[in-house]
C-alpha atoms as a PDB file:
ATOM      1  CA  MET A   1      17.532  23.981  -3.411  1.00  0.00           C
ATOM      2  CA  SER A   2      17.737  20.244  -4.055  1.00  0.00           C
ATOM      3  CA  VAL A   3      14.876  17.904  -3.125  1.00  0.00           C
ATOM      4  CA  THR A   4      16.187  14.640  -1.658  1.00  0.00           C
ATOM      5  CA  ILE A   5      13.697  11.852  -0.968  1.00  0.00           C
ATOM      6  CA  LEU A   6      14.263   8.656   0.989  1.00  0.00           C
ATOM      7  CA  GLY A   7      11.923   5.935  -0.240  1.00  0.00           C
ATOM      8  CA  ILE A   8      10.940   2.918   1.868  1.00  0.00           C
ATOM      9  CA  GLU A   9       9.197  -0.179   0.480  1.00  0.00           C
ATOM     10  CA  SER A  10       7.961  -2.994   2.751  1.00  0.00           C
ATOM     11  CA  SER A  11       4.665  -4.136   1.236  1.00  0.00           C
ATOM     12  CA  CYS A  12       5.461  -7.846   0.981  1.00  0.00           C
ATOM     13  CA  ASP A  13       8.696  -9.814   1.371  1.00  0.00           C
ATOM     14  CA  ASP A  14      11.334  -7.345   0.125  1.00  0.00           C
ATOM     15  CA  THR A  15      12.739  -4.638   2.378  1.00  0.00           C
ATOM     16  CA  SER A  16      13.998  -1.791   0.222  1.00  0.00           C
ATOM     17  CA  ALA A  17      15.275   1.759   0.631  1.00  0.00           C
ATOM     18  CA  ALA A  18      16.286   4.222  -2.068  1.00  0.00           C
ATOM     19  CA  VAL A  19      17.453   7.818  -2.324  1.00  0.00           C
ATOM     20  CA  ILE A  20      16.410  10.139  -5.148  1.00  0.00           C
ATOM     21  CA  CYS A  21      17.685  13.709  -5.527  1.00  0.00           C
ATOM     22  CA  ASP A  22      15.838  16.015  -7.931  1.00  0.00           C
ATOM     23  CA  GLY A  23      14.414  12.973  -9.710  1.00  0.00           C
ATOM     24  CA  ARG A  24      17.765  11.218 -10.143  1.00  0.00           C
ATOM     25  CA  LEU A  25      18.445   7.876  -8.447  1.00  0.00           C
ATOM     26  CA  LEU A  26      21.398   7.858  -6.066  1.00  0.00           C
ATOM     27  CA  SER A  27      20.880   4.435  -4.494  1.00  0.00           C
ATOM     28  CA  ASN A  28      18.441   1.529  -4.414  1.00  0.00           C
ATOM     29  CA  VAL A  29      18.986  -1.267  -1.876  1.00  0.00           C
ATOM     30  CA  ILE A  30      16.859  -4.417  -1.629  1.00  0.00           C
ATOM     31  CA  ALA A  31      16.986  -7.174   0.998  1.00  0.00           C
ATOM     32  CA  SER A  32      15.042 -10.235  -0.141  1.00  0.00           C
ATOM     33  CA  GLN A  33      13.694 -12.921   2.177  1.00  0.00           C
ATOM     34  CA  SER A  34      14.569 -16.542   1.407  1.00  0.00           C
ATOM     35  CA  VAL A  35      12.735 -17.838   4.480  1.00  0.00           C
ATOM     36  CA  HIS A  36       9.495 -18.284   2.477  1.00  0.00           C
ATOM     37  CA  GLU A  37      10.902 -20.684  -0.104  1.00  0.00           C
ATOM     38  CA  GLU A  38      10.303 -23.831   1.965  1.00  0.00           C
ATOM     39  CA  TYR A  39       6.632 -22.879   2.422  1.00  0.00           C
ATOM     40  CA  GLY A  40       5.913 -22.290  -1.262  1.00  0.00           C
ATOM     41  CA  GLY A  41       4.645 -18.756  -0.631  1.00  0.00           C
ATOM     42  CA  VAL A  42       4.992 -15.706   1.580  1.00  0.00           C
ATOM     43  CA  VAL A  43       4.227 -16.254   5.272  1.00  0.00           C
ATOM     44  CA  PRO A  44       3.010 -12.850   6.556  1.00  0.00           C
ATOM     45  CA  GLU A  45       4.295 -13.187  10.128  1.00  0.00           C
ATOM     46  CA  LEU A  46       7.740 -14.255   8.975  1.00  0.00           C
ATOM     47  CA  ALA A  47       7.791 -11.417   6.457  1.00  0.00           C
ATOM     48  CA  SER A  48       7.075  -8.731   9.049  1.00  0.00           C
ATOM     49  CA  ARG A  49       9.729 -10.109  11.402  1.00  0.00           C
ATOM     50  CA  ALA A  50      12.308 -10.067   8.606  1.00  0.00           C
ATOM     51  CA  HIS A  51      11.385  -6.454   7.786  1.00  0.00           C
ATOM     52  CA  GLN A  52      12.083  -5.499  11.398  1.00  0.00           C
ATOM     53  CA  GLN A  53      15.532  -7.055  11.159  1.00  0.00           C
ATOM     54  CA  ASN A  54      16.347  -5.575   7.764  1.00  0.00           C
ATOM     55  CA  ILE A  55      14.963  -2.057   7.711  1.00  0.00           C
ATOM     56  CA  VAL A  56      17.649  -0.259   9.725  1.00  0.00           C
ATOM     57  CA  PRO A  57      20.662  -1.738   7.882  1.00  0.00           C
ATOM     58  CA  VAL A  58      18.918  -1.335   4.505  1.00  0.00           C
ATOM     59  CA  VAL A  59      18.169   2.357   5.085  1.00  0.00           C
ATOM     60  CA  ASP A  60      21.656   2.936   6.445  1.00  0.00           C
ATOM     61  CA  THR A  61      23.190   1.298   3.375  1.00  0.00           C
ATOM     62  CA  ALA A  62      20.990   3.319   1.002  1.00  0.00           C
ATOM     63  CA  LEU A  63      22.110   6.599   2.614  1.00  0.00           C
ATOM     64  CA  LYS A  64      25.780   5.608   2.502  1.00  0.00           C
ATOM     65  CA  ARG A  65      25.638   4.523  -1.131  1.00  0.00           C
ATOM     66  CA  ALA A  66      23.939   7.796  -1.999  1.00  0.00           C
ATOM     67  CA  GLY A  67      26.759   9.682  -0.309  1.00  0.00           C
ATOM     68  CA  ILE A  68      24.478  11.619   2.014  1.00  0.00           C
ATOM     69  CA  THR A  69      23.437  11.679   5.661  1.00  0.00           C
ATOM     70  CA  LYS A  70      19.939  11.638   7.072  1.00  0.00           C
ATOM     71  CA  THR A  71      20.095  15.391   7.701  1.00  0.00           C
ATOM     72  CA  ASP A  72      20.249  15.964   3.926  1.00  0.00           C
ATOM     73  CA  LEU A  73      16.780  14.466   3.434  1.00  0.00           C
ATOM     74  CA  SER A  74      13.854  16.682   2.404  1.00  0.00           C
ATOM     75  CA  ALA A  75      11.156  14.075   3.073  1.00  0.00           C
ATOM     76  CA  ILE A  76      10.521  10.350   3.534  1.00  0.00           C
ATOM     77  CA  ALA A  77       8.246   8.492   1.120  1.00  0.00           C
ATOM     78  CA  PHE A  78       6.905   5.092   2.142  1.00  0.00           C
ATOM     79  CA  THR A  79       4.464   2.480   0.895  1.00  0.00           C
ATOM     80  CA  LEU A  80       1.174   2.803   2.776  1.00  0.00           C
ATOM     81  CA  GLY A  81      -0.536   0.038   0.800  1.00  0.00           C
ATOM     82  CA  PRO A  82      -1.708  -2.223  -0.628  1.00  0.00           C
ATOM     83  CA  GLY A  83       0.196  -5.150   0.808  1.00  0.00           C
ATOM     84  CA  LEU A  84       0.595  -7.304   3.904  1.00  0.00           C
ATOM     85  CA  LEU A  85      -0.494  -5.263   6.920  1.00  0.00           C
ATOM     86  CA  GLY A  86       2.257  -6.506   9.222  1.00  0.00           C
ATOM     87  CA  SER A  87       4.927  -5.723   6.650  1.00  0.00           C
ATOM     88  CA  LEU A  88       3.440  -2.316   5.862  1.00  0.00           C
ATOM     89  CA  LEU A  89       3.322  -1.434   9.559  1.00  0.00           C
ATOM     90  CA  VAL A  90       7.081  -1.919   9.847  1.00  0.00           C
ATOM     91  CA  GLY A  91       7.841   0.514   7.026  1.00  0.00           C
ATOM     92  CA  THR A  92       5.144   2.980   8.067  1.00  0.00           C
ATOM     93  CA  SER A  93       6.261   3.065  11.703  1.00  0.00           C
ATOM     94  CA  PHE A  94       9.907   3.482  10.745  1.00  0.00           C
ATOM     95  CA  ALA A  95       9.117   6.310   8.332  1.00  0.00           C
ATOM     96  CA  LYS A  96       6.980   8.148  10.878  1.00  0.00           C
ATOM     97  CA  GLY A  97       9.569   7.782  13.624  1.00  0.00           C
ATOM     98  CA  LEU A  98      12.447   8.950  11.428  1.00  0.00           C
ATOM     99  CA  SER A  99      10.483  11.928  10.125  1.00  0.00           C
ATOM    100  CA  LEU A 100       9.605  13.035  13.657  1.00  0.00           C
ATOM    101  CA  GLY A 101      13.240  12.778  14.674  1.00  0.00           C
ATOM    102  CA  LEU A 102      14.425  14.745  11.640  1.00  0.00           C
ATOM    103  CA  ARG A 103      11.419  17.110  11.578  1.00  0.00           C
ATOM    104  CA  ILE A 104      10.767  16.514   7.901  1.00  0.00           C
ATOM    105  CA  PRO A 105       7.489  15.503   6.226  1.00  0.00           C
ATOM    106  CA  ILE A 106       6.366  12.026   5.248  1.00  0.00           C
ATOM    107  CA  ILE A 107       4.707  11.112   1.959  1.00  0.00           C
ATOM    108  CA  ASP A 108       2.440   8.084   1.582  1.00  0.00           C
ATOM    109  CA  VAL A 109       2.699   6.183  -1.703  1.00  0.00           C
ATOM    110  CA  ASN A 110       0.288   3.732  -3.263  1.00  0.00           C
ATOM    111  CA  HIS A 111       2.357   0.665  -4.150  1.00  0.00           C
ATOM    112  CA  LEU A 112       0.646   0.387  -7.532  1.00  0.00           C
ATOM    113  CA  HIS A 113       1.332   4.064  -8.312  1.00  0.00           C
ATOM    114  CA  GLY A 114       4.976   3.293  -7.673  1.00  0.00           C
ATOM    115  CA  HIS A 115       5.015   0.543 -10.302  1.00  0.00           C
ATOM    116  CA  VAL A 116       3.268   2.795 -12.815  1.00  0.00           C
ATOM    117  CA  LEU A 117       5.721   5.661 -12.231  1.00  0.00           C
ATOM    118  CA  SER A 118       8.840   3.481 -12.118  1.00  0.00           C
ATOM    119  CA  HIS A 119       9.634   4.627 -15.658  1.00  0.00           C
ATOM    120  CA  PHE A 120      10.388   8.098 -14.295  1.00  0.00           C
ATOM    121  CA  VAL A 121      13.311   6.833 -12.215  1.00  0.00           C
ATOM    122  CA  ARG A 122      16.339   8.401 -13.909  1.00  0.00           C
ATOM    123  CA  GLU A 123      19.797   6.988 -13.330  1.00  0.00           C
ATOM    124  CA  ASN A 124      21.257   9.526 -15.762  1.00  0.00           C
ATOM    125  CA  ASP A 125      20.066  13.045 -16.535  1.00  0.00           C
ATOM    126  CA  ASP A 126      19.348  12.182 -20.173  1.00  0.00           C
ATOM    127  CA  ASP A 127      17.273   9.051 -19.499  1.00  0.00           C
ATOM    128  CA  GLU A 128      14.059   9.069 -21.521  1.00  0.00           C
ATOM    129  CA  VAL A 129      10.721   9.017 -19.662  1.00  0.00           C
ATOM    130  CA  PRO A 130       7.153   8.534 -20.948  1.00  0.00           C
ATOM    131  CA  ALA A 131       5.094  11.439 -22.213  1.00  0.00           C
ATOM    132  CA  PHE A 132       1.522  11.816 -20.929  1.00  0.00           C
ATOM    133  CA  PRO A 133      -0.882  10.303 -21.594  1.00  0.00           C
ATOM    134  CA  TYR A 134       0.383   6.740 -21.776  1.00  0.00           C
ATOM    135  CA  LEU A 135      -1.068   3.300 -21.229  1.00  0.00           C
ATOM    136  CA  CYS A 136       0.473   1.124 -18.519  1.00  0.00           C
ATOM    137  CA  LEU A 137       0.008  -2.621 -18.340  1.00  0.00           C
ATOM    138  CA  LEU A 138       0.571  -3.353 -14.655  1.00  0.00           C
ATOM    139  CA  ILE A 139       1.204  -7.070 -14.137  1.00  0.00           C
ATOM    140  CA  SER A 140       2.281  -8.605 -10.856  1.00  0.00           C
ATOM    141  CA  GLY A 141       1.440 -11.412  -8.453  1.00  0.00           C
ATOM    142  CA  GLY A 142      -1.582  -9.594  -7.095  1.00  0.00           C
ATOM    143  CA  ASN A 143      -2.608  -7.228  -9.875  1.00  0.00           C
ATOM    144  CA  SER A 144      -3.257  -7.249 -13.602  1.00  0.00           C
ATOM    145  CA  GLN A 145      -4.500  -3.830 -14.693  1.00  0.00           C
ATOM    146  CA  LEU A 146      -4.658  -1.576 -17.735  1.00  0.00           C
ATOM    147  CA  ILE A 147      -4.183   2.016 -16.579  1.00  0.00           C
ATOM    148  CA  LEU A 148      -4.445   5.232 -18.560  1.00  0.00           C
ATOM    149  CA  VAL A 149      -1.847   7.542 -17.003  1.00  0.00           C
ATOM    150  CA  LYS A 150      -2.799  11.152 -17.651  1.00  0.00           C
ATOM    151  CA  ASP A 151      -0.431  12.757 -15.135  1.00  0.00           C
ATOM    152  CA  PHE A 152       1.612  11.845 -12.062  1.00  0.00           C
ATOM    153  CA  GLY A 153      -1.471  11.889  -9.871  1.00  0.00           C
ATOM    154  CA  ASP A 154      -4.176  11.306 -12.471  1.00  0.00           C
ATOM    155  CA  MET A 155      -4.627   7.652 -13.404  1.00  0.00           C
ATOM    156  CA  GLU A 156      -7.690   5.797 -14.666  1.00  0.00           C
ATOM    157  CA  VAL A 157      -8.091   2.027 -14.432  1.00  0.00           C
ATOM    158  CA  LEU A 158      -9.573   0.850 -17.724  1.00  0.00           C
ATOM    159  CA  GLY A 159      -9.573  -2.837 -16.862  1.00  0.00           C
ATOM    160  CA  GLN A 160      -8.354  -5.242 -14.220  1.00  0.00           C
ATOM    161  CA  THR A 161      -8.454  -8.895 -13.257  1.00  0.00           C
ATOM    162  CA  ILE A 162     -11.700 -10.224 -11.863  1.00  0.00           C
ATOM    163  CA  ASP A 163      -9.970 -13.179 -10.194  1.00  0.00           C
ATOM    164  CA  ASP A 164      -6.353 -14.375 -10.319  1.00  0.00           C
ATOM    165  CA  ALA A 165      -3.643 -12.069 -11.598  1.00  0.00           C
ATOM    166  CA  ALA A 166      -1.081 -13.085 -14.230  1.00  0.00           C
ATOM    167  CA  GLY A 167       1.622 -13.554 -11.606  1.00  0.00           C
ATOM    168  CA  GLU A 168      -0.634 -15.832  -9.577  1.00  0.00           C
ATOM    169  CA  ALA A 169      -1.266 -17.974 -12.653  1.00  0.00           C
ATOM    170  CA  PHE A 170       2.480 -18.342 -13.191  1.00  0.00           C
ATOM    171  CA  ASP A 171       3.230 -19.150  -9.555  1.00  0.00           C
ATOM    172  CA  LYS A 172       0.314 -21.515  -8.931  1.00  0.00           C
ATOM    173  CA  CYS A 173       0.907 -23.505 -12.095  1.00  0.00           C
ATOM    174  CA  ALA A 174       4.620 -23.655 -11.301  1.00  0.00           C
ATOM    175  CA  LYS A 175       3.821 -25.005  -7.839  1.00  0.00           C
ATOM    176  CA  VAL A 176       1.805 -27.955  -9.144  1.00  0.00           C
ATOM    177  CA  MET A 177       4.687 -28.699 -11.513  1.00  0.00           C
ATOM    178  CA  GLY A 178       6.942 -29.027  -8.473  1.00  0.00           C
ATOM    179  CA  LEU A 179       8.990 -25.910  -9.236  1.00  0.00           C
ATOM    180  CA  PRO A 180      10.469 -23.823  -6.386  1.00  0.00           C
ATOM    181  CA  TYR A 181       8.904 -20.595  -5.122  1.00  0.00           C
ATOM    182  CA  PRO A 182       8.615 -18.081  -6.643  1.00  0.00           C
ATOM    183  CA  GLY A 183       7.636 -20.031  -9.723  1.00  0.00           C
ATOM    184  CA  GLY A 184       7.472 -17.236 -12.301  1.00  0.00           C
ATOM    185  CA  PRO A 185      11.231 -17.027 -12.971  1.00  0.00           C
ATOM    186  CA  HIS A 186      11.449 -20.827 -13.283  1.00  0.00           C
ATOM    187  CA  ILE A 187       8.609 -20.856 -15.822  1.00  0.00           C
ATOM    188  CA  ASP A 188      10.432 -18.128 -17.742  1.00  0.00           C
ATOM    189  CA  ARG A 189      13.679 -20.116 -17.764  1.00  0.00           C
ATOM    190  CA  LEU A 190      12.032 -23.372 -18.863  1.00  0.00           C
ATOM    191  CA  ALA A 191       9.902 -21.650 -21.513  1.00  0.00           C
ATOM    192  CA  ALA A 192      13.036 -20.675 -23.423  1.00  0.00           C
ATOM    193  CA  GLU A 193      13.746 -24.398 -23.920  1.00  0.00           C
ATOM    194  CA  GLY A 194      10.238 -25.577 -24.797  1.00  0.00           C
ATOM    195  CA  ASN A 195       7.703 -25.617 -27.624  1.00  0.00           C
ATOM    196  CA  PRO A 196       5.071 -22.890 -26.993  1.00  0.00           C
ATOM    197  CA  LYS A 197       2.542 -24.707 -29.202  1.00  0.00           C
ATOM    198  CA  ALA A 198       2.885 -28.119 -27.583  1.00  0.00           C
ATOM    199  CA  PHE A 199      -0.206 -27.660 -25.394  1.00  0.00           C
ATOM    200  CA  HIS A 200      -3.325 -25.548 -25.746  1.00  0.00           C
ATOM    201  CA  PHE A 201      -5.013 -24.135 -22.658  1.00  0.00           C
ATOM    202  CA  ALA A 202      -8.357 -22.389 -22.330  1.00  0.00           C
ATOM    203  CA  LYS A 203      -8.450 -18.630 -22.753  1.00  0.00           C
ATOM    204  CA  PRO A 204     -11.231 -16.563 -21.129  1.00  0.00           C
ATOM    205  CA  HIS A 205     -13.812 -14.523 -23.004  1.00  0.00           C
ATOM    206  CA  ILE A 206     -14.369 -11.544 -20.726  1.00  0.00           C
ATOM    207  CA  ASP A 207     -16.213  -8.460 -21.955  1.00  0.00           C
ATOM    208  CA  GLY A 208     -14.474  -5.105 -21.961  1.00  0.00           C
ATOM    209  CA  LEU A 209     -10.909  -4.660 -20.790  1.00  0.00           C
ATOM    210  CA  ASN A 210     -11.030  -6.831 -17.682  1.00  0.00           C
ATOM    211  CA  TYR A 211      -8.813  -9.872 -17.257  1.00  0.00           C
ATOM    212  CA  SER A 212      -9.372 -13.384 -15.933  1.00  0.00           C
ATOM    213  CA  PHE A 213      -6.758 -16.077 -15.334  1.00  0.00           C
ATOM    214  CA  SER A 214      -8.635 -18.593 -13.170  1.00  0.00           C
ATOM    215  CA  GLY A 215      -9.944 -20.516 -16.200  1.00  0.00           C
ATOM    216  CA  LEU A 216      -6.449 -20.810 -17.627  1.00  0.00           C
ATOM    217  CA  LYS A 217      -5.197 -22.143 -14.314  1.00  0.00           C
ATOM    218  CA  THR A 218      -8.006 -24.721 -14.204  1.00  0.00           C
ATOM    219  CA  SER A 219      -7.330 -25.788 -17.793  1.00  0.00           C
ATOM    220  CA  PHE A 220      -3.655 -26.247 -16.950  1.00  0.00           C
ATOM    221  CA  LEU A 221      -4.505 -28.397 -13.917  1.00  0.00           C
ATOM    222  CA  TYR A 222      -6.896 -30.564 -15.948  1.00  0.00           C
ATOM    223  CA  THR A 223      -4.178 -31.119 -18.557  1.00  0.00           C
ATOM    224  CA  LEU A 224      -1.819 -32.346 -15.861  1.00  0.00           C
ATOM    225  CA  ARG A 225      -4.467 -34.537 -14.226  1.00  0.00           C
ATOM    226  CA  ASP A 226      -5.556 -36.230 -17.448  1.00  0.00           C
ATOM    227  CA  ASN A 227      -2.018 -36.931 -18.622  1.00  0.00           C
ATOM    228  CA  LEU A 228      -0.729 -38.076 -15.241  1.00  0.00           C
ATOM    229  CA  LYS A 229      -3.373 -40.823 -15.238  1.00  0.00           C
ATOM    230  CA  VAL A 230      -1.639 -42.522 -18.132  1.00  0.00           C
ATOM    231  CA  ASN A 231       1.930 -41.336 -17.548  1.00  0.00           C
ATOM    232  CA  PRO A 232       3.170 -40.676 -13.992  1.00  0.00           C
ATOM    233  CA  ASP A 233       6.302 -39.005 -15.430  1.00  0.00           C
ATOM    234  CA  PHE A 234       4.324 -36.634 -17.642  1.00  0.00           C
ATOM    235  CA  ILE A 235       5.337 -33.431 -15.845  1.00  0.00           C
ATOM    236  CA  GLU A 236       9.007 -34.271 -15.657  1.00  0.00           C
ATOM    237  CA  GLN A 237       9.109 -35.270 -19.314  1.00  0.00           C
ATOM    238  CA  ASN A 238       7.231 -32.170 -20.513  1.00  0.00           C
ATOM    239  CA  LYS A 239       8.278 -29.368 -18.134  1.00  0.00           C
ATOM    240  CA  ALA A 240       9.764 -27.121 -20.798  1.00  0.00           C
ATOM    241  CA  ASP A 241       6.825 -27.524 -23.197  1.00  0.00           C
ATOM    242  CA  LEU A 242       4.291 -26.976 -20.417  1.00  0.00           C
ATOM    243  CA  ALA A 243       6.104 -23.814 -19.312  1.00  0.00           C
ATOM    244  CA  ALA A 244       6.398 -22.486 -22.861  1.00  0.00           C
ATOM    245  CA  SER A 245       2.722 -23.160 -23.635  1.00  0.00           C
ATOM    246  CA  LEU A 246       1.584 -21.596 -20.360  1.00  0.00           C
ATOM    247  CA  GLN A 247       3.703 -18.502 -20.950  1.00  0.00           C
ATOM    248  CA  ARG A 248       2.438 -18.139 -24.525  1.00  0.00           C
ATOM    249  CA  THR A 249      -1.184 -18.327 -23.388  1.00  0.00           C
ATOM    250  CA  ILE A 250      -0.735 -15.735 -20.624  1.00  0.00           C
ATOM    251  CA  ILE A 251       1.005 -13.381 -23.040  1.00  0.00           C
ATOM    252  CA  GLU A 252      -1.807 -13.773 -25.573  1.00  0.00           C
ATOM    253  CA  ILE A 253      -4.400 -12.951 -22.916  1.00  0.00           C
ATOM    254  CA  LEU A 254      -2.442  -9.878 -21.820  1.00  0.00           C
ATOM    255  CA  LEU A 255      -1.858  -8.585 -25.339  1.00  0.00           C
ATOM    256  CA  ASP A 256      -5.424  -9.099 -26.556  1.00  0.00           C
ATOM    257  CA  LYS A 257      -6.700  -6.654 -23.939  1.00  0.00           C
ATOM    258  CA  LEU A 258      -3.719  -4.332 -24.351  1.00  0.00           C
ATOM    259  CA  ASP A 259      -4.441  -4.059 -28.063  1.00  0.00           C
ATOM    260  CA  ALA A 260      -8.088  -3.270 -27.357  1.00  0.00           C
ATOM    261  CA  ALA A 261      -7.066  -0.564 -24.876  1.00  0.00           C
ATOM    262  CA  VAL A 262      -4.608   0.987 -27.341  1.00  0.00           C
ATOM    263  CA  LYS A 263      -7.320   1.147 -30.009  1.00  0.00           C
ATOM    264  CA  LEU A 264      -9.765   2.665 -27.512  1.00  0.00           C
ATOM    265  CA  THR A 265      -7.438   5.333 -26.123  1.00  0.00           C
ATOM    266  CA  ARG A 266      -5.313   5.926 -29.262  1.00  0.00           C
ATOM    267  CA  VAL A 267      -2.242   6.428 -27.108  1.00  0.00           C
ATOM    268  CA  LYS A 268       1.193   6.611 -28.686  1.00  0.00           C
ATOM    269  CA  THR A 269       3.083   5.207 -25.687  1.00  0.00           C
ATOM    270  CA  VAL A 270       2.769   1.906 -23.818  1.00  0.00           C
ATOM    271  CA  ALA A 271       4.607   0.964 -20.629  1.00  0.00           C
ATOM    272  CA  ILE A 272       4.657  -2.193 -18.543  1.00  0.00           C
ATOM    273  CA  GLY A 273       5.377  -2.559 -14.835  1.00  0.00           C
ATOM    274  CA  GLY A 274       5.200  -4.985 -11.918  1.00  0.00           C
ATOM    275  CA  GLY A 275       6.948  -8.263 -11.210  1.00  0.00           C
ATOM    276  CA  VAL A 276       5.670 -10.084 -14.291  1.00  0.00           C
ATOM    277  CA  SER A 277       7.191  -7.378 -16.510  1.00  0.00           C
ATOM    278  CA  ALA A 278      10.518  -9.073 -15.721  1.00  0.00           C
ATOM    279  CA  ASN A 279       9.363 -12.105 -17.737  1.00  0.00           C
ATOM    280  CA  SER A 280      11.439 -12.408 -20.920  1.00  0.00           C
ATOM    281  CA  GLY A 281       8.506 -13.500 -23.060  1.00  0.00           C
ATOM    282  CA  VAL A 282       6.282 -10.664 -21.865  1.00  0.00           C
ATOM    283  CA  ARG A 283       8.997  -8.072 -22.439  1.00  0.00           C
ATOM    284  CA  GLN A 284       9.685  -9.250 -25.975  1.00  0.00           C
ATOM    285  CA  ALA A 285       6.010  -9.608 -26.859  1.00  0.00           C
ATOM    286  CA  VAL A 286       5.188  -6.050 -25.728  1.00  0.00           C
ATOM    287  CA  ALA A 287       8.232  -4.650 -27.533  1.00  0.00           C
ATOM    288  CA  ASP A 288       7.258  -6.484 -30.726  1.00  0.00           C
ATOM    289  CA  TYR A 289       3.630  -5.369 -30.443  1.00  0.00           C
ATOM    290  CA  CYS A 290       4.604  -1.718 -30.044  1.00  0.00           C
ATOM    291  CA  GLU A 291       6.975  -1.944 -32.997  1.00  0.00           C
ATOM    292  CA  ARG A 292       4.187  -3.321 -35.193  1.00  0.00           C
ATOM    293  CA  ARG A 293       1.834  -0.579 -34.050  1.00  0.00           C
ATOM    294  CA  HIS A 294       4.503   2.138 -34.424  1.00  0.00           C
ATOM    295  CA  ILE A 295       4.098   3.283 -30.839  1.00  0.00           C
ATOM    296  CA  LYS A 296       6.686   3.941 -28.143  1.00  0.00           C
ATOM    297  CA  ALA A 297       7.396   1.134 -25.675  1.00  0.00           C
ATOM    298  CA  PHE A 298       8.814   1.559 -22.185  1.00  0.00           C
ATOM    299  CA  ILE A 299      10.158  -1.706 -20.792  1.00  0.00           C
ATOM    300  CA  PRO A 300      11.599  -1.248 -17.268  1.00  0.00           C
ATOM    301  CA  LYS A 301      14.975  -2.486 -16.148  1.00  0.00           C
ATOM    302  CA  ARG A 302      14.508  -5.695 -14.203  1.00  0.00           C
ATOM    303  CA  ALA A 303      15.759  -3.957 -11.043  1.00  0.00           C
ATOM    304  CA  PHE A 304      12.658  -1.770 -11.166  1.00  0.00           C
ATOM    305  CA  THR A 305      10.114  -4.536 -11.869  1.00  0.00           C
ATOM    306  CA  THR A 306      10.113  -6.159  -8.442  1.00  0.00           C
ATOM    307  CA  ASP A 307       9.105  -4.394  -5.226  1.00  0.00           C
ATOM    308  CA  ASN A 308      11.728  -1.669  -4.867  1.00  0.00           C
ATOM    309  CA  ALA A 309      12.038   1.647  -3.082  1.00  0.00           C
ATOM    310  CA  ALA A 310      13.211   3.571  -6.154  1.00  0.00           C
ATOM    311  CA  MET A 311       9.656   3.580  -7.481  1.00  0.00           C
ATOM    312  CA  VAL A 312       8.363   4.676  -4.069  1.00  0.00           C
ATOM    313  CA  ALA A 313      10.890   7.491  -3.912  1.00  0.00           C
ATOM    314  CA  ILE A 314      10.075   8.804  -7.399  1.00  0.00           C
ATOM    315  CA  ALA A 315       6.327   8.720  -6.698  1.00  0.00           C
ATOM    316  CA  GLY A 316       7.040  10.548  -3.443  1.00  0.00           C
ATOM    317  CA  TYR A 317       9.220  13.092  -5.248  1.00  0.00           C
ATOM    318  CA  TYR A 318       6.380  14.222  -7.494  1.00  0.00           C
ATOM    319  CA  LYS A 319       3.969  14.341  -4.563  1.00  0.00           C
ATOM    320  CA  TYR A 320       6.540  16.472  -2.708  1.00  0.00           C
ATOM    321  CA  LEU A 321       6.617  18.947  -5.603  1.00  0.00           C
ATOM    322  CA  ASN A 322       2.840  19.176  -5.241  1.00  0.00           C
ATOM    323  CA  ASN A 323       3.049  19.647  -1.435  1.00  0.00           C
ATOM    324  CA  ASP A 324       1.050  16.446  -1.011  1.00  0.00           C
ATOM    325  CA  PHE A 325       2.169  15.219   2.413  1.00  0.00           C
ATOM    326  CA  CYS A 326       0.853  12.534   4.756  1.00  0.00           C
ATOM    327  CA  PRO A 327      -0.665  13.108   8.212  1.00  0.00           C
ATOM    328  CA  TYR A 328       0.736  10.980  11.020  1.00  0.00           C
ATOM    329  CA  ASP A 329      -2.622   9.378  11.821  1.00  0.00           C
ATOM    330  CA  LYS A 330      -2.908   7.717   8.419  1.00  0.00           C
ATOM    331  CA  VAL A 331      -2.794   3.905   8.674  1.00  0.00           C
ATOM    332  CA  PRO A 332      -1.738   1.180   6.202  1.00  0.00           C
ATOM    333  CA  TYR A 333      -4.297  -0.623   4.050  1.00  0.00           C
ATOM    334  CA  ALA A 334      -4.179  -4.146   2.642  1.00  0.00           C
ATOM    335  CA  ARG A 335      -6.282  -3.826  -0.513  1.00  0.00           C
ATOM    336  CA  VAL A 336      -7.225  -0.999  -2.825  1.00  0.00           C
ATOM    337  CA  THR A 337      -7.492  -0.275  -6.537  1.00  0.00           C
ATOM    338  CA  ILE A 338      -5.282   2.352  -8.086  1.00  0.00           C
END
């Protein structure tokens, strides 16, 4: 008998629903929120209101595109956390209500687990997936982690950021440059036109496999401040070079720790996930690194790098196979490690 999972993702500012049947993706629908652009960041109250408006049509569209009805569902997987509590409550409440109406179980998914397992989303039956164990570099706006993935439910965090994440460094530096929100994609676009060695920013010296990006951010701000004193048009005249140099430095920080983790664990497979894994420079740098080291690289499709329900559904699918269901009294959480 087929196992059909509806996945629901509402952790931040994207409302998403996806359908997976026996591990194969049938649909993945995402409604993004443009309302936050004028504020330069996500406004939690506005995000939760938008989720309330979007969740019914998004789920309905996901079911229709999958060619099924709600009565074909085996279970509903949803993001319980981490994320914005108001946004998570919308998805959690909807999932619980729908499961009660259909009399099918619910499955809670850790948002970070979803990113790590996104490589198991198969659009075709012959799509290649990672072999355990593998090392995952999880890089997003809120998280920068090195995770040893031993099985679907067995993951060990080897290192993580002690302050800002890589995505925060991209977005915050982009903001002071006057770039629109979210800044990461604009940095990526400009970096392709600039000289990555034009500017040199401070890199942290953190013991072990932990990350730090606050010092880089401060170094970037000091560079702008010092140059703006003598040239008010400094940013406008050097946007591409600043973006390219910033991106190079972040990539170097990420890869230094990744290399150390590969040597420590001796894994033969490396995967990346999270919003920053959509960055062109990061994707190429990881692919090149793995080629030099003669190890397998898994670089996700860009559709699976942002917050999406396909990753929630696939994580829920493997929990379903393990009969790992969620009680109705479980509540969302804002922060947690993997």
